[in-house]
Amino acid sequence: MPERLKTLAEFTKPHMVLICTQCDRKGRYNVARLIEKHGEEMPIRDFIDMIGQSCHRRTHPTEHQRCGLGCDDLIYMFMPKPAADGYAEKLEQNKKAARE
């Protein structure tokens, strides 16, 4: 079963910084305002996709030019912390799910 998408309400920092790895595009968004405008249940991935729609590399990707818009904070925000209780169990569950 696929994991549920993380929502704007689950974003733990006050600002979401989006950066494109392919160009110099950068943006900083107030999460409280995003929730007011789009609702707390909006998936973070959907918000990033919505912002990326103005990028030509996202709407018309080529083999060598794709949009690299993303949020570096997401890499660490939703991963279990090594010192946290249940880390080893969560890691084992992820490995087991990947094998299935």
C-alpha atoms as a PDB file:
ATOM      1  CA  MET A   1       0.000   0.000   0.000  1.00  0.00           C
ATOM      2  CA  PRO A   2       1.484   3.375  -0.993  1.00  0.00           C
ATOM      3  CA  GLU A   3       2.352   5.814   1.747  1.00  0.00           C
ATOM      4  CA  ARG A   4      -0.019   8.753   2.222  1.00  0.00           C
ATOM      5  CA  LEU A   5       1.217  12.049   0.785  1.00  0.00           C
ATOM      6  CA  LYS A   6       2.451  14.607   3.323  1.00  0.00           C
ATOM      7  CA  THR A   7       0.314  17.749   3.558  1.00  0.00           C
ATOM      8  CA  LEU A   8       1.019  21.446   4.066  1.00  0.00           C
ATOM      9  CA  ALA A   9      -0.191  21.093   7.675  1.00  0.00           C
ATOM     10  CA  GLU A  10       2.573  18.536   8.305  1.00  0.00           C
ATOM     11  CA  PHE A  11       5.361  20.842   7.081  1.00  0.00           C
ATOM     12  CA  THR A  12       7.212  21.712  10.292  1.00  0.00           C
ATOM     13  CA  LYS A  13       9.054  24.892   9.311  1.00  0.00           C
ATOM     14  CA  PRO A  14       7.445  28.343   9.018  1.00  0.00           C
ATOM     15  CA  HIS A  15       8.704  28.808   5.448  1.00  0.00           C
ATOM     16  CA  MET A  16       9.038  26.423   2.525  1.00  0.00           C
ATOM     17  CA  VAL A  17      12.010  27.175   0.293  1.00  0.00           C
ATOM     18  CA  LEU A  18      11.768  25.812  -3.246  1.00  0.00           C
ATOM     19  CA  ILE A  19      14.927  25.634  -5.343  1.00  0.00           C
ATOM     20  CA  CYS A  20      15.503  24.369  -8.881  1.00  0.00           C
ATOM     21  CA  THR A  21      18.687  22.350  -9.340  1.00  0.00           C
ATOM     22  CA  GLN A  22      18.695  23.099 -13.081  1.00  0.00           C
ATOM     23  CA  CYS A  23      18.368  26.893 -13.087  1.00  0.00           C
ATOM     24  CA  ASP A  24      18.564  29.806 -10.648  1.00  0.00           C
ATOM     25  CA  ARG A  25      14.867  29.740  -9.764  1.00  0.00           C
ATOM     26  CA  LYS A  26      14.233  30.116  -6.034  1.00  0.00           C
ATOM     27  CA  GLY A  27      11.196  30.922  -3.916  1.00  0.00           C
ATOM     28  CA  ARG A  28      10.329  31.225  -0.225  1.00  0.00           C
ATOM     29  CA  TYR A  29       6.720  30.617   0.824  1.00  0.00           C
ATOM     30  CA  ASN A  30       5.054  31.310   4.173  1.00  0.00           C
ATOM     31  CA  VAL A  31       3.451  27.987   5.135  1.00  0.00           C
ATOM     32  CA  ALA A  32       0.669  29.596   7.220  1.00  0.00           C
ATOM     33  CA  ARG A  33      -0.382  31.639   4.177  1.00  0.00           C
ATOM     34  CA  LEU A  34      -0.215  28.567   1.955  1.00  0.00           C
ATOM     35  CA  ILE A  35      -2.563  26.756   4.334  1.00  0.00           C
ATOM     36  CA  GLU A  36      -4.963  29.733   4.334  1.00  0.00           C
ATOM     37  CA  LYS A  37      -4.989  29.843   0.548  1.00  0.00           C
ATOM     38  CA  HIS A  38      -4.881  26.132  -0.388  1.00  0.00           C
ATOM     39  CA  GLY A  39      -6.049  24.337   2.766  1.00  0.00           C
ATOM     40  CA  GLU A  40      -4.132  22.238   5.266  1.00  0.00           C
ATOM     41  CA  GLU A  41      -4.869  18.990   3.423  1.00  0.00           C
ATOM     42  CA  MET A  42      -3.143  20.014   0.185  1.00  0.00           C
ATOM     43  CA  PRO A  43      -0.289  17.587  -0.474  1.00  0.00           C
ATOM     44  CA  ILE A  44       3.122  19.248  -0.500  1.00  0.00           C
ATOM     45  CA  ARG A  45       3.920  17.479  -3.770  1.00  0.00           C
ATOM     46  CA  ASP A  46       0.838  19.026  -5.403  1.00  0.00           C
ATOM     47  CA  PHE A  47       1.909  22.501  -4.270  1.00  0.00           C
ATOM     48  CA  ILE A  48       5.406  22.026  -5.714  1.00  0.00           C
ATOM     49  CA  ASP A  49       3.878  20.741  -8.973  1.00  0.00           C
ATOM     50  CA  MET A  50       1.550  23.750  -9.098  1.00  0.00           C
ATOM     51  CA  ILE A  51       4.460  26.194  -8.691  1.00  0.00           C
ATOM     52  CA  GLY A  52       6.462  24.298 -11.303  1.00  0.00           C
ATOM     53  CA  GLN A  53       3.760  24.683 -13.954  1.00  0.00           C
ATOM     54  CA  SER A  54       5.276  28.036 -14.929  1.00  0.00           C
ATOM     55  CA  CYS A  55       8.603  26.332 -15.713  1.00  0.00           C
ATOM     56  CA  HIS A  56       9.121  25.482 -19.376  1.00  0.00           C
ATOM     57  CA  ARG A  57      11.388  22.580 -18.381  1.00  0.00           C
ATOM     58  CA  ARG A  58       8.545  21.028 -16.368  1.00  0.00           C
ATOM     59  CA  THR A  59       5.791  21.523 -18.936  1.00  0.00           C
ATOM     60  CA  HIS A  60       7.972  20.615 -21.961  1.00  0.00           C
ATOM     61  CA  PRO A  61      10.850  18.470 -20.651  1.00  0.00           C
ATOM     62  CA  THR A  62      13.527  17.180 -22.983  1.00  0.00           C
ATOM     63  CA  GLU A  63      15.976  14.375 -22.423  1.00  0.00           C
ATOM     64  CA  HIS A  64      18.671  16.735 -21.135  1.00  0.00           C
ATOM     65  CA  GLN A  65      16.601  19.594 -19.706  1.00  0.00           C
ATOM     66  CA  ARG A  66      14.146  18.707 -16.967  1.00  0.00           C
ATOM     67  CA  CYS A  67      12.847  20.870 -14.166  1.00  0.00           C
ATOM     68  CA  GLY A  68      14.621  20.265 -10.881  1.00  0.00           C
ATOM     69  CA  LEU A  69      12.229  22.172  -8.618  1.00  0.00           C
ATOM     70  CA  GLY A  70      12.082  20.774  -5.098  1.00  0.00           C
ATOM     71  CA  CYS A  71      12.372  21.454  -1.395  1.00  0.00           C
ATOM     72  CA  ASP A  72      15.572  20.270   0.284  1.00  0.00           C
ATOM     73  CA  ASP A  73      13.910  20.336   3.724  1.00  0.00           C
ATOM     74  CA  LEU A  74      11.632  17.459   2.710  1.00  0.00           C
ATOM     75  CA  ILE A  75      14.584  15.084   2.495  1.00  0.00           C
ATOM     76  CA  TYR A  76      15.057  15.183   6.264  1.00  0.00           C
ATOM     77  CA  MET A  77      11.705  16.386   7.556  1.00  0.00           C
ATOM     78  CA  PHE A  78       9.834  13.107   7.209  1.00  0.00           C
ATOM     79  CA  MET A  79      12.632  10.570   7.685  1.00  0.00           C
ATOM     80  CA  PRO A  80      12.887   8.818  11.045  1.00  0.00           C
ATOM     81  CA  LYS A  81      15.759  10.146  13.116  1.00  0.00           C
ATOM     82  CA  PRO A  82      18.509   7.623  13.937  1.00  0.00           C
ATOM     83  CA  ALA A  83      18.334   8.285  17.684  1.00  0.00           C
ATOM     84  CA  ALA A  84      14.525   8.172  17.827  1.00  0.00           C
ATOM     85  CA  ASP A  85      12.601   5.259  19.261  1.00  0.00           C
ATOM     86  CA  GLY A  86      11.496   2.828  16.595  1.00  0.00           C
ATOM     87  CA  TYR A  87      14.116   3.909  14.047  1.00  0.00           C
ATOM     88  CA  ALA A  88      15.469   0.392  13.511  1.00  0.00           C
ATOM     89  CA  GLU A  89      11.959  -1.053  13.196  1.00  0.00           C
ATOM     90  CA  LYS A  90      10.922   1.623  10.675  1.00  0.00           C
ATOM     91  CA  LEU A  91      14.097   1.039   8.673  1.00  0.00           C
ATOM     92  CA  GLU A  92      13.429  -2.709   8.599  1.00  0.00           C
ATOM     93  CA  GLN A  93       9.808  -2.131   7.500  1.00  0.00           C
ATOM     94  CA  ASN A  94      11.003   0.085   4.655  1.00  0.00           C
ATOM     95  CA  LYS A  95      13.512  -2.543   3.516  1.00  0.00           C
ATOM     96  CA  LYS A  96      10.853  -5.252   3.666  1.00  0.00           C
ATOM     97  CA  ALA A  97       8.363  -3.119   1.716  1.00  0.00           C
ATOM     98  CA  ALA A  98      10.995  -2.399  -0.954  1.00  0.00           C
ATOM     99  CA  ARG A  99      11.618  -6.132  -1.464  1.00  0.00           C
ATOM    100  CA  GLU A 100       7.914  -6.889  -1.952  1.00  0.00           C
END
